[in-house]
């Protein structure tokens, strides 16, 4: 009988301690936003500098026989893809 009373008292205390406490709701933080109108204008800042450009890949083309080249199908420095006819 004593154990039952202790059990009921302990479970009542546990249930009472787990209840949500009523607190004041937190207000949302105030965020200030600056708004500016959209303006379409030319870019005024120009930067000039020297640079050296290198290709991603480079291949040396050497003929198996010596003969004059009659026709070029691509320009020097042009972008080519695998399997494309070059000369």
PDB file of N, CA and C in Angstrom:
ATOM      1  N   UNK A   1       0.816  -1.182   0.000  1.00  0.00           N
ATOM      2  CA  UNK A   1       0.000   0.000   0.000  1.00  0.00           C
ATOM      3  C   UNK A   1       0.875   1.268   0.000  1.00  0.00           C
ATOM      4  N   UNK A   2       1.954   1.222   0.794  1.00  0.00           N
ATOM      5  CA  UNK A   2       2.862   2.369   0.857  1.00  0.00           C
ATOM      6  C   UNK A   2       3.549   2.593  -0.489  1.00  0.00           C
ATOM      7  N   UNK A   3       3.951   1.479  -1.155  1.00  0.00           N
ATOM      8  CA  UNK A   3       4.597   1.594  -2.474  1.00  0.00           C
ATOM      9  C   UNK A   3       3.650   2.198  -3.513  1.00  0.00           C
ATOM     10  N   UNK A   4       2.387   1.864  -3.433  1.00  0.00           N
ATOM     11  CA  UNK A   4       1.414   2.396  -4.390  1.00  0.00           C
ATOM     12  C   UNK A   4       1.274   3.898  -4.210  1.00  0.00           C
ATOM     13  N   UNK A   5       1.238   4.374  -2.947  1.00  0.00           N
ATOM     14  CA  UNK A   5       1.117   5.808  -2.700  1.00  0.00           C
ATOM     15  C   UNK A   5       2.364   6.550  -3.189  1.00  0.00           C
ATOM     16  N   UNK A   6       3.544   5.962  -2.951  1.00  0.00           N
ATOM     17  CA  UNK A   6       4.786   6.595  -3.413  1.00  0.00           C
ATOM     18  C   UNK A   6       4.823   6.638  -4.937  1.00  0.00           C
ATOM     19  N   UNK A   7       4.386   5.535  -5.571  1.00  0.00           N
ATOM     20  CA  UNK A   7       4.361   5.479  -7.033  1.00  0.00           C
ATOM     21  C   UNK A   7       3.417   6.536  -7.594  1.00  0.00           C
ATOM     22  N   UNK A   8       2.227   6.665  -7.001  1.00  0.00           N
ATOM     23  CA  UNK A   8       1.251   7.651  -7.487  1.00  0.00           C
ATOM     24  C   UNK A   8       1.789   9.065  -7.262  1.00  0.00           C
ATOM     25  N   UNK A   9       2.389   9.305  -6.110  1.00  0.00           N
ATOM     26  CA  UNK A   9       2.946  10.623  -5.829  1.00  0.00           C
ATOM     27  C   UNK A   9       4.094  10.964  -6.792  1.00  0.00           C
ATOM     28  N   UNK A  10       4.989   9.980  -7.052  1.00  0.00           N
ATOM     29  CA  UNK A  10       6.117  10.220  -7.957  1.00  0.00           C
ATOM     30  C   UNK A  10       5.640  10.455  -9.383  1.00  0.00           C
ATOM     31  N   UNK A  11       4.673   9.675  -9.843  1.00  0.00           N
ATOM     32  CA  UNK A  11       4.185   9.880 -11.216  1.00  0.00           C
ATOM     33  C   UNK A  11       3.433  11.204 -11.330  1.00  0.00           C
ATOM     34  N   UNK A  12       2.747  11.630 -10.273  1.00  0.00           N
ATOM     35  CA  UNK A  12       2.083  12.925 -10.300  1.00  0.00           C
ATOM     36  C   UNK A  12       3.088  14.066 -10.367  1.00  0.00           C
ATOM     37  N   UNK A  13       4.177  13.964  -9.574  1.00  0.00           N
ATOM     38  CA  UNK A  13       5.223  14.980  -9.625  1.00  0.00           C
ATOM     39  C   UNK A  13       5.904  15.013 -10.991  1.00  0.00           C
ATOM     40  N   UNK A  14       6.128  13.835 -11.562  1.00  0.00           N
ATOM     41  CA  UNK A  14       6.740  13.763 -12.889  1.00  0.00           C
ATOM     42  C   UNK A  14       5.843  14.415 -13.941  1.00  0.00           C
ATOM     43  N   UNK A  15       4.567  14.111 -13.892  1.00  0.00           N
ATOM     44  CA  UNK A  15       3.637  14.698 -14.862  1.00  0.00           C
ATOM     45  C   UNK A  15       3.542  16.205 -14.682  1.00  0.00           C
ATOM     46  N   UNK A  16       3.538  16.681 -13.437  1.00  0.00           N
ATOM     47  CA  UNK A  16       3.450  18.120 -13.177  1.00  0.00           C
ATOM     48  C   UNK A  16       4.709  18.846 -13.649  1.00  0.00           C
ATOM     49  N   UNK A  17       5.896  18.206 -13.510  1.00  0.00           N
ATOM     50  CA  UNK A  17       7.138  18.862 -13.921  1.00  0.00           C
ATOM     51  C   UNK A  17       7.308  18.879 -15.433  1.00  0.00           C
ATOM     52  N   UNK A  18       6.627  17.979 -16.129  1.00  0.00           N
ATOM     53  CA  UNK A  18       6.755  17.926 -17.595  1.00  0.00           C
ATOM     54  C   UNK A  18       5.769  18.833 -18.319  1.00  0.00           C
ATOM     55  N   UNK A  19       4.849  19.431 -17.602  1.00  0.00           N
ATOM     56  CA  UNK A  19       3.885  20.302 -18.274  1.00  0.00           C
ATOM     57  C   UNK A  19       4.585  21.559 -18.769  1.00  0.00           C
ATOM     58  N   UNK A  20       4.076  22.083 -19.872  1.00  0.00           N
ATOM     59  CA  UNK A  20       4.672  23.276 -20.481  1.00  0.00           C
ATOM     60  C   UNK A  20       4.368  24.490 -19.629  1.00  0.00           C
ATOM     61  N   UNK A  21       5.372  25.262 -19.398  1.00  0.00           N
ATOM     62  CA  UNK A  21       5.191  26.483 -18.626  1.00  0.00           C
ATOM     63  C   UNK A  21       4.710  27.582 -19.559  1.00  0.00           C
ATOM     64  N   UNK A  22       3.783  28.352 -19.085  1.00  0.00           N
ATOM     65  CA  UNK A  22       3.256  29.444 -19.900  1.00  0.00           C
ATOM     66  C   UNK A  22       4.240  30.597 -19.840  1.00  0.00           C
ATOM     67  N   UNK A  23       4.750  30.949 -21.007  1.00  0.00           N
ATOM     68  CA  UNK A  23       5.656  32.077 -21.102  1.00  0.00           C
ATOM     69  C   UNK A  23       5.107  33.061 -22.117  1.00  0.00           C
ATOM     70  N   UNK A  24       5.597  34.259 -22.049  1.00  0.00           N
ATOM     71  CA  UNK A  24       5.162  35.264 -23.013  1.00  0.00           C
ATOM     72  C   UNK A  24       5.753  34.931 -24.375  1.00  0.00           C
ATOM     73  N   UNK A  25       4.975  35.037 -25.440  1.00  0.00           N
ATOM     74  CA  UNK A  25       5.510  34.728 -26.772  1.00  0.00           C
ATOM     75  C   UNK A  25       6.598  35.731 -27.147  1.00  0.00           C
ATOM     76  N   UNK A  26       7.652  35.220 -27.743  1.00  0.00           N
ATOM     77  CA  UNK A  26       8.747  36.091 -28.163  1.00  0.00           C
ATOM     78  C   UNK A  26       8.341  36.865 -29.403  1.00  0.00           C
ATOM     79  N   UNK A  27       8.649  38.127 -29.420  1.00  0.00           N
ATOM     80  CA  UNK A  27       8.320  38.936 -30.590  1.00  0.00           C
ATOM     81  C   UNK A  27       9.405  38.725 -31.649  1.00  0.00           C
ATOM     82  N   UNK A  28       9.000  38.821 -32.896  1.00  0.00           N
ATOM     83  CA  UNK A  28       9.943  38.646 -34.008  1.00  0.00           C
ATOM     84  C   UNK A  28      10.913  39.822 -34.022  1.00  0.00           C
ATOM     85  N   UNK A  29      12.189  39.564 -34.339  1.00  0.00           N
ATOM     86  CA  UNK A  29      13.148  40.671 -34.379  1.00  0.00           C
ATOM     87  C   UNK A  29      12.812  41.647 -35.505  1.00  0.00           C
ATOM     88  N   UNK A  30      13.073  42.894 -35.252  1.00  0.00           N
ATOM     89  CA  UNK A  30      12.798  43.942 -36.233  1.00  0.00           C
ATOM     90  C   UNK A  30      13.988  44.027 -37.182  1.00  0.00           C
ATOM     91  N   UNK A  31      13.709  43.895 -38.468  1.00  0.00           N
ATOM     92  CA  UNK A  31      14.754  43.958 -39.491  1.00  0.00           C
ATOM     93  C   UNK A  31      14.471  45.155 -40.377  1.00  0.00           C
ATOM     94  N   UNK A  32      15.449  46.019 -40.523  1.00  0.00           N
ATOM     95  CA  UNK A  32      15.282  47.168 -41.407  1.00  0.00           C
ATOM     96  C   UNK A  32      15.852  46.834 -42.779  1.00  0.00           C
ATOM     97  N   UNK A  33      15.155  47.236 -43.805  1.00  0.00           N
ATOM     98  CA  UNK A  33      15.552  46.948 -45.180  1.00  0.00           C
ATOM     99  C   UNK A  33      15.626  48.255 -45.950  1.00  0.00           C
ATOM    100  N   UNK A  34      16.751  48.489 -46.613  1.00  0.00           N
ATOM    101  CA  UNK A  34      16.889  49.663 -47.468  1.00  0.00           C
ATOM    102  C   UNK A  34      16.493  49.276 -48.888  1.00  0.00           C
ATOM    103  N   UNK A  35      15.639  50.044 -49.499  1.00  0.00           N
ATOM    104  CA  UNK A  35      15.151  49.761 -50.848  1.00  0.00           C
ATOM    105  C   UNK A  35      15.634  50.871 -51.766  1.00  0.00           C
ATOM    106  N   UNK A  36      16.150  50.477 -52.938  1.00  0.00           N
ATOM    107  CA  UNK A  36      16.622  51.455 -53.916  1.00  0.00           C
ATOM    108  C   UNK A  36      15.962  51.144 -55.260  1.00  0.00           C
ATOM    109  N   UNK A  37      15.675  52.173 -56.033  1.00  0.00           N
ATOM    110  CA  UNK A  37      15.063  51.923 -57.342  1.00  0.00           C
ATOM    111  C   UNK A  37      16.083  51.298 -58.305  1.00  0.00           C
ATOM    112  N   UNK A  38      15.593  50.499 -59.237  1.00  0.00           N
ATOM    113  CA  UNK A  38      16.450  49.869 -60.241  1.00  0.00           C
ATOM    114  C   UNK A  38      16.781  50.899 -61.309  1.00  0.00           C
ATOM    115  N   UNK A  39      18.069  51.016 -61.613  1.00  0.00           N
ATOM    116  CA  UNK A  39      18.522  51.985 -62.605  1.00  0.00           C
ATOM    117  C   UNK A  39      19.290  51.229 -63.680  1.00  0.00           C
ATOM    118  N   UNK A  40      18.931  51.453 -64.916  1.00  0.00           N
ATOM    119  CA  UNK A  40      19.615  50.839 -66.050  1.00  0.00           C
ATOM    120  C   UNK A  40      20.608  51.858 -66.603  1.00  0.00           C
ATOM    121  N   UNK A  41      21.907  51.555 -66.515  1.00  0.00           N
ATOM    122  CA  UNK A  41      22.911  52.493 -67.003  1.00  0.00           C
ATOM    123  C   UNK A  41      24.115  51.717 -67.521  1.00  0.00           C
ATOM    124  N   UNK A  42      24.994  52.420 -68.217  1.00  0.00           N
ATOM    125  CA  UNK A  42      26.203  51.809 -68.748  1.00  0.00           C
ATOM    126  C   UNK A  42      27.222  51.644 -67.628  1.00  0.00           C
ATOM    127  N   UNK A  43      28.078  50.650 -67.788  1.00  0.00           N
ATOM    128  CA  UNK A  43      29.140  50.425 -66.810  1.00  0.00           C
ATOM    129  C   UNK A  43      30.212  51.486 -67.034  1.00  0.00           C
ATOM    130  N   UNK A  44      30.545  52.193 -65.978  1.00  0.00           N
ATOM    131  CA  UNK A  44      31.490  53.292 -66.085  1.00  0.00           C
ATOM    132  C   UNK A  44      32.935  52.860 -65.860  1.00  0.00           C
ATOM    133  N   UNK A  45      33.151  51.772 -65.145  1.00  0.00           N
ATOM    134  CA  UNK A  45      34.496  51.349 -64.788  1.00  0.00           C
ATOM    135  C   UNK A  45      35.025  50.375 -65.826  1.00  0.00           C
ATOM    136  N   UNK A  46      36.158  50.693 -66.433  1.00  0.00           N
ATOM    137  CA  UNK A  46      36.814  49.809 -67.386  1.00  0.00           C
ATOM    138  C   UNK A  46      38.205  49.522 -66.864  1.00  0.00           C
ATOM    139  N   UNK A  47      38.587  48.275 -66.897  1.00  0.00           N
ATOM    140  CA  UNK A  47      39.912  47.873 -66.429  1.00  0.00           C
ATOM    141  C   UNK A  47      40.690  47.341 -67.626  1.00  0.00           C
ATOM    142  N   UNK A  48      41.888  47.856 -67.825  1.00  0.00           N
ATOM    143  CA  UNK A  48      42.742  47.440 -68.930  1.00  0.00           C
ATOM    144  C   UNK A  48      43.982  46.792 -68.343  1.00  0.00           C
ATOM    145  N   UNK A  49      44.362  45.640 -68.904  1.00  0.00           N
ATOM    146  CA  UNK A  49      45.556  44.974 -68.405  1.00  0.00           C
ATOM    147  C   UNK A  49      46.111  44.024 -69.441  1.00  0.00           C
ATOM    148  N   UNK A  50      47.370  43.665 -69.285  1.00  0.00           N
ATOM    149  CA  UNK A  50      48.012  42.718 -70.179  1.00  0.00           C
ATOM    150  C   UNK A  50      47.749  41.309 -69.667  1.00  0.00           C
ATOM    151  N   UNK A  51      47.602  40.371 -70.593  1.00  0.00           N
ATOM    152  CA  UNK A  51      47.359  38.982 -70.209  1.00  0.00           C
ATOM    153  C   UNK A  51      47.934  38.058 -71.261  1.00  0.00           C
ATOM    154  N   UNK A  52      48.214  36.854 -70.857  1.00  0.00           N
ATOM    155  CA  UNK A  52      48.668  35.807 -71.765  1.00  0.00           C
ATOM    156  C   UNK A  52      47.655  34.682 -71.677  1.00  0.00           C
ATOM    157  N   UNK A  53      47.093  34.275 -72.813  1.00  0.00           N
ATOM    158  CA  UNK A  53      46.099  33.215 -72.858  1.00  0.00           C
ATOM    159  C   UNK A  53      46.741  31.939 -73.374  1.00  0.00           C
ATOM    160  N   UNK A  54      46.427  30.828 -72.744  1.00  0.00           N
ATOM    161  CA  UNK A  54      46.928  29.521 -73.152  1.00  0.00           C
ATOM    162  C   UNK A  54      45.746  28.613 -73.466  1.00  0.00           C
ATOM    163  N   UNK A  55      45.882  27.720 -74.452  1.00  0.00           N
ATOM    164  CA  UNK A  55      44.779  26.795 -74.775  1.00  0.00           C
ATOM    165  C   UNK A  55      44.630  25.727 -73.692  1.00  0.00           C
ATOM    166  N   UNK A  56      43.430  25.149 -73.598  1.00  0.00           N
ATOM    167  CA  UNK A  56      43.213  24.057 -72.658  1.00  0.00           C
ATOM    168  C   UNK A  56      43.996  22.820 -73.088  1.00  0.00           C
ATOM    169  N   UNK A  57      43.959  22.513 -74.384  1.00  0.00           N
ATOM    170  CA  UNK A  57      44.703  21.379 -74.932  1.00  0.00           C
ATOM    171  C   UNK A  57      45.335  21.817 -76.243  1.00  0.00           C
ATOM    172  N   UNK A  58      46.461  21.204 -76.551  1.00  0.00           N
ATOM    173  CA  UNK A  58      47.151  21.542 -77.779  1.00  0.00           C
ATOM    174  C   UNK A  58      47.689  20.250 -78.374  1.00  0.00           C
ATOM    175  N   UNK A  59      47.660  20.147 -79.687  1.00  0.00           N
ATOM    176  CA  UNK A  59      48.153  18.949 -80.368  1.00  0.00           C
ATOM    177  C   UNK A  59      49.025  19.371 -81.542  1.00  0.00           C
ATOM    178  N   UNK A  60      50.116  18.650 -81.714  1.00  0.00           N
ATOM    179  CA  UNK A  60      50.989  18.879 -82.875  1.00  0.00           C
ATOM    180  C   UNK A  60      50.549  17.930 -83.980  1.00  0.00           C
ATOM    181  N   UNK A  61      50.337  18.475 -85.185  1.00  0.00           N
ATOM    182  CA  UNK A  61      49.904  17.665 -86.324  1.00  0.00           C
ATOM    183  C   UNK A  61      51.077  17.530 -87.280  1.00  0.00           C
ATOM    184  N   UNK A  62      51.463  16.286 -87.515  1.00  0.00           N
ATOM    185  CA  UNK A  62      52.572  16.020 -88.437  1.00  0.00           C
ATOM    186  C   UNK A  62      52.094  15.024 -89.502  1.00  0.00           C
ATOM    187  N   UNK A  63      52.300  15.329 -90.780  1.00  0.00           N
ATOM    188  CA  UNK A  63      51.850  14.413 -91.839  1.00  0.00           C
ATOM    189  C   UNK A  63      52.732  13.168 -91.917  1.00  0.00           C
ATOM    190  N   UNK A  64      52.148  12.070 -92.385  1.00  0.00           N
ATOM    191  CA  UNK A  64      52.903  10.828 -92.557  1.00  0.00           C
ATOM    192  C   UNK A  64      53.692  10.857 -93.870  1.00  0.00           C
ATOM    193  N   UNK A  65      53.229  11.638 -94.819  1.00  0.00           N
ATOM    194  CA  UNK A  65      53.943  11.780 -96.098  1.00  0.00           C
ATOM    195  C   UNK A  65      54.176  13.263 -96.350  1.00  0.00           C
ATOM    196  N   UNK A  66      55.144  13.576 -97.157  1.00  0.00           N
ATOM    197  CA  UNK A  66      55.385  14.977 -97.483  1.00  0.00           C
ATOM    198  C   UNK A  66      54.725  15.286 -98.819  1.00  0.00           C
ATOM    199  N   UNK A  67      53.837  16.267 -98.782  1.00  0.00           N
ATOM    200  CA  UNK A  67      53.129  16.703 -99.983  1.00  0.00           C
ATOM    201  C   UNK A  67      52.627  18.121 -99.730  1.00  0.00           C
ATOM    202  N   UNK A  68      52.391  18.883-100.762  1.00  0.00           N
ATOM    203  CA  UNK A  68      51.874  20.235-100.565  1.00  0.00           C
ATOM    204  C   UNK A  68      50.427  20.201-100.061  1.00  0.00           C
ATOM    205  N   UNK A  69      50.078  21.127 -99.191  1.00  0.00           N
ATOM    206  CA  UNK A  69      48.717  21.214 -98.673  1.00  0.00           C
ATOM    207  C   UNK A  69      47.915  22.069 -99.631  1.00  0.00           C
ATOM    208  N   UNK A  70      46.809  21.521-100.121  1.00  0.00           N
ATOM    209  CA  UNK A  70      45.986  22.227-101.094  1.00  0.00           C
ATOM    210  C   UNK A  70      44.866  23.028-100.434  1.00  0.00           C
ATOM    211  N   UNK A  71      44.358  22.565 -99.268  1.00  0.00           N
ATOM    212  CA  UNK A  71      43.193  23.212 -98.690  1.00  0.00           C
ATOM    213  C   UNK A  71      43.232  23.084 -97.158  1.00  0.00           C
ATOM    214  N   UNK A  72      42.900  24.171 -96.455  1.00  0.00           N
ATOM    215  CA  UNK A  72      42.765  24.162 -95.001  1.00  0.00           C
ATOM    216  C   UNK A  72      41.283  24.229 -94.659  1.00  0.00           C
ATOM    217  N   UNK A  73      40.811  23.313 -93.808  1.00  0.00           N
ATOM    218  CA  UNK A  73      39.398  23.301 -93.424  1.00  0.00           C
ATOM    219  C   UNK A  73      39.130  24.062 -92.128  1.00  0.00           C
ATOM    220  N   UNK A  74      40.163  24.438 -91.408  1.00  0.00           N
ATOM    221  CA  UNK A  74      40.007  25.225 -90.175  1.00  0.00           C
ATOM    222  C   UNK A  74      41.027  26.338 -90.166  1.00  0.00           C
ATOM    223  N   UNK A  75      40.731  27.401 -89.462  1.00  0.00           N
ATOM    224  CA  UNK A  75      41.661  28.511 -89.314  1.00  0.00           C
ATOM    225  C   UNK A  75      42.596  28.251 -88.140  1.00  0.00           C
ATOM    226  N   UNK A  76      43.745  28.877 -88.174  1.00  0.00           N
ATOM    227  CA  UNK A  76      44.707  28.749 -87.085  1.00  0.00           C
ATOM    228  C   UNK A  76      44.099  29.314 -85.800  1.00  0.00           C
ATOM    229  N   UNK A  77      44.157  28.543 -84.726  1.00  0.00           N
ATOM    230  CA  UNK A  77      43.619  28.959 -83.448  1.00  0.00           C
ATOM    231  C   UNK A  77      42.119  28.696 -83.274  1.00  0.00           C
ATOM    232  N   UNK A  78      41.472  28.095 -84.294  1.00  0.00           N
ATOM    233  CA  UNK A  78      40.046  27.832 -84.193  1.00  0.00           C
ATOM    234  C   UNK A  78      39.789  26.638 -83.275  1.00  0.00           C
ATOM    235  N   UNK A  79      38.626  26.590 -82.679  1.00  0.00           N
ATOM    236  CA  UNK A  79      38.237  25.485 -81.803  1.00  0.00           C
ATOM    237  C   UNK A  79      37.828  24.287 -82.666  1.00  0.00           C
ATOM    238  N   UNK A  80      38.348  23.133 -82.355  1.00  0.00           N
ATOM    239  CA  UNK A  80      38.032  21.909 -83.089  1.00  0.00           C
ATOM    240  C   UNK A  80      37.539  20.864 -82.111  1.00  0.00           C
ATOM    241  N   UNK A  81      36.875  19.826 -82.629  1.00  0.00           N
ATOM    242  CA  UNK A  81      36.389  18.739 -81.797  1.00  0.00           C
ATOM    243  C   UNK A  81      37.009  17.432 -82.279  1.00  0.00           C
ATOM    244  N   UNK A  82      36.925  16.417 -81.475  1.00  0.00           N
ATOM    245  CA  UNK A  82      37.521  15.115 -81.802  1.00  0.00           C
ATOM    246  C   UNK A  82      36.902  14.559 -83.074  1.00  0.00           C
ATOM    247  N   UNK A  83      37.732  14.093 -83.987  1.00  0.00           N
ATOM    248  CA  UNK A  83      37.264  13.494 -85.249  1.00  0.00           C
ATOM    249  C   UNK A  83      37.000  14.477 -86.366  1.00  0.00           C
ATOM    250  N   UNK A  84      37.193  15.759 -86.125  1.00  0.00           N
ATOM    251  CA  UNK A  84      36.930  16.761 -87.151  1.00  0.00           C
ATOM    252  C   UNK A  84      38.058  16.760 -88.186  1.00  0.00           C
ATOM    253  N   UNK A  85      37.714  16.921 -89.478  1.00  0.00           N
ATOM    254  CA  UNK A  85      38.672  16.979 -90.561  1.00  0.00           C
ATOM    255  C   UNK A  85      39.444  18.299 -90.482  1.00  0.00           C
ATOM    256  N   UNK A  86      40.781  18.213 -90.378  1.00  0.00           N
ATOM    257  CA  UNK A  86      41.585  19.411 -90.227  1.00  0.00           C
ATOM    258  C   UNK A  86      42.229  19.863 -91.546  1.00  0.00           C
ATOM    259  N   UNK A  87      42.827  18.951 -92.305  1.00  0.00           N
ATOM    260  CA  UNK A  87      43.479  19.332 -93.559  1.00  0.00           C
ATOM    261  C   UNK A  87      42.991  18.506 -94.703  1.00  0.00           C
TER     262      UNK A  87
END
